[in-house]
């Protein structure tokens, strides 16, 4: 199976709360991807670091992650899934954050499992298969 890694997992790895290498290597039969959305979230975190030493450390981590995992782009199938999810979740009063909505749509459109620490948001998405690596 192919899994999409959410930024919440990568942030936990950067903070030393998850051994990302052990998790990925422990699931050797799986392929892991990052969304272009997650890449943007990580790079945003680099740009927001006020301290130069933190920025440098964070940039090194982020560049290592971006080099390690293939990046999944947004395509028309994802846009269609996104529009449907957005309408459905809005109508039910269960809307999730805009970036998380794109990740969920990517997973649904491409039949991927999401690896996340954010079960509160992603648990609202019908049909989304996800795994919490913090539990």
Protein backbone atom coordinates (compact mmCIF):
# COMPACT_ATOMS: atom_id res chain seq x y z
CA UNK A 1 0.00 0.00 0.00
CA UNK A 2 1.03 3.59 -0.53
CA UNK A 3 0.77 6.06 2.34
CA UNK A 4 0.86 9.84 2.43
CA UNK A 5 2.74 11.32 5.40
CA UNK A 6 1.09 14.33 7.05
CA UNK A 7 3.14 17.29 8.30
CA UNK A 8 2.03 16.52 11.87
CA UNK A 9 4.15 13.34 11.77
CA UNK A 10 7.15 15.16 10.33
CA UNK A 11 6.92 17.90 12.96
CA UNK A 12 6.85 15.23 15.68
CA UNK A 13 9.90 13.60 14.06
CA UNK A 14 11.75 16.92 13.97
CA UNK A 15 10.99 17.38 17.67
CA UNK A 16 12.31 13.89 18.44
CA UNK A 17 8.93 12.44 19.48
CA UNK A 18 8.75 9.93 16.61
CA UNK A 19 11.56 7.91 15.06
CA UNK A 20 10.58 8.47 11.43
CA UNK A 21 13.27 6.20 10.02
CA UNK A 22 12.22 3.32 12.27
CA UNK A 23 8.56 3.78 11.34
CA UNK A 24 9.28 3.88 7.61
CA UNK A 25 11.77 1.02 7.70
CA UNK A 26 9.36 -1.01 9.86
CA UNK A 27 6.86 -0.84 7.01
CA UNK A 28 9.31 -1.81 4.27
CA UNK A 29 6.54 -3.21 2.05
CA UNK A 30 4.90 0.22 1.87
CA UNK A 31 5.73 3.23 -0.24
CA UNK A 32 5.60 6.65 1.43
CA UNK A 33 4.89 9.97 -0.28
CA UNK A 34 4.50 13.60 0.68
CA UNK A 35 1.90 15.92 -0.76
CA UNK A 36 3.06 19.13 -2.37
CA UNK A 37 0.82 20.71 0.31
CA UNK A 38 2.93 19.12 3.07
CA UNK A 39 6.10 20.32 1.35
CA UNK A 40 4.72 23.86 1.46
CA UNK A 41 3.75 23.52 5.13
CA UNK A 42 7.26 22.35 6.03
CA UNK A 43 8.95 25.11 4.02
CA UNK A 44 6.63 27.66 5.63
CA UNK A 45 7.90 26.48 9.01
CA UNK A 46 11.46 27.13 7.87
CA UNK A 47 10.63 30.68 6.76
CA UNK A 48 8.79 31.42 10.01
CA UNK A 49 11.70 30.52 12.28
CA UNK A 50 12.80 33.78 13.88
CA UNK A 51 16.16 32.53 15.09
CA UNK A 52 18.85 31.78 12.47
CA UNK A 53 20.11 28.66 14.24
CA UNK A 54 16.59 27.23 14.46
CA UNK A 55 15.99 28.15 10.83
CA UNK A 56 19.18 26.39 9.77
CA UNK A 57 18.41 23.25 11.78
CA UNK A 58 14.83 23.19 10.50
CA UNK A 59 15.91 23.77 6.90
CA UNK A 60 18.33 20.87 7.13
CA UNK A 61 15.60 18.57 8.47
CA UNK A 62 13.06 19.72 5.87
CA UNK A 63 15.48 19.39 2.96
CA UNK A 64 16.36 15.88 4.13
CA UNK A 65 12.68 14.93 4.23
CA UNK A 66 11.98 16.49 0.82
CA UNK A 67 14.94 14.59 -0.67
CA UNK A 68 13.84 11.31 0.92
CA UNK A 69 10.19 11.09 -0.14
CA UNK A 70 8.57 11.49 -3.57
CA UNK A 71 6.21 14.47 -3.85
CA UNK A 72 2.61 13.89 -4.93
CA UNK A 73 1.23 16.83 -6.95
CA UNK A 74 -2.30 18.13 -7.04
CA UNK A 75 -4.05 16.99 -10.21
CA UNK A 76 -7.58 17.15 -11.57
CA UNK A 77 -8.67 13.96 -9.80
CA UNK A 78 -7.59 15.49 -6.49
CA UNK A 79 -9.36 18.76 -7.35
CA UNK A 80 -12.58 16.84 -8.03
CA UNK A 81 -12.30 14.90 -4.74
CA UNK A 82 -11.45 18.15 -2.92
CA UNK A 83 -14.52 19.96 -4.30
CA UNK A 84 -16.80 17.08 -3.29
CA UNK A 85 -15.31 16.77 0.21
CA UNK A 86 -15.43 20.52 0.72
CA UNK A 87 -19.11 20.63 -0.23
CA UNK A 88 -20.02 17.57 1.86
CA UNK A 89 -18.12 18.58 4.98
CA UNK A 90 -19.39 22.16 4.76
CA UNK A 91 -22.98 20.97 4.43
CA UNK A 92 -22.61 18.70 7.47
CA UNK A 93 -20.92 21.40 9.58
CA UNK A 94 -17.78 19.24 9.93
CA UNK A 95 -15.34 21.20 7.76
CA UNK A 96 -11.63 20.63 8.39
CA UNK A 97 -8.68 22.94 7.75
CA UNK A 98 -7.96 23.88 4.14
CA UNK A 99 -4.59 22.11 3.90
CA UNK A 100 -5.97 19.01 5.59
CA UNK A 101 -8.86 19.02 3.12
CA UNK A 102 -6.36 18.85 0.23
CA UNK A 103 -4.49 15.97 1.91
CA UNK A 104 -7.69 14.02 2.50
CA UNK A 105 -8.75 14.63 -1.11
CA UNK A 106 -5.35 13.41 -2.35
CA UNK A 107 -5.71 10.21 -0.37
CA UNK A 108 -9.26 9.58 -1.52
CA UNK A 109 -8.50 10.38 -5.17
CA UNK A 110 -5.45 8.11 -5.29
CA UNK A 111 -6.53 5.37 -2.85
CA UNK A 112 -3.83 6.22 -0.31
CA UNK A 113 -3.68 5.78 3.43
CA UNK A 114 -2.80 8.87 5.48
CA UNK A 115 -0.22 8.68 8.25
CA UNK A 116 -1.00 11.44 10.73
CA UNK A 117 -1.05 12.58 14.33
CA UNK A 118 -4.13 14.72 13.64
CA UNK A 119 -6.98 12.25 14.12
CA UNK A 120 -9.32 14.99 15.37
CA UNK A 121 -9.53 16.60 11.93
CA UNK A 122 -9.05 13.61 9.67
CA UNK A 123 -11.52 11.49 11.64
CA UNK A 124 -14.29 13.70 10.24
CA UNK A 125 -13.62 12.64 6.65
CA UNK A 126 -15.81 9.75 5.51
CA UNK A 127 -13.96 7.11 3.53
CA UNK A 128 -10.49 8.31 4.52
CA UNK A 129 -8.13 5.56 5.66
CA UNK A 130 -5.61 6.87 8.17
CA UNK A 131 -3.21 5.66 10.84
CA UNK A 132 -2.06 7.54 13.91
CA UNK A 133 1.68 7.06 14.38
CA UNK A 134 1.55 8.78 17.79
CA UNK A 135 -0.65 6.14 19.41
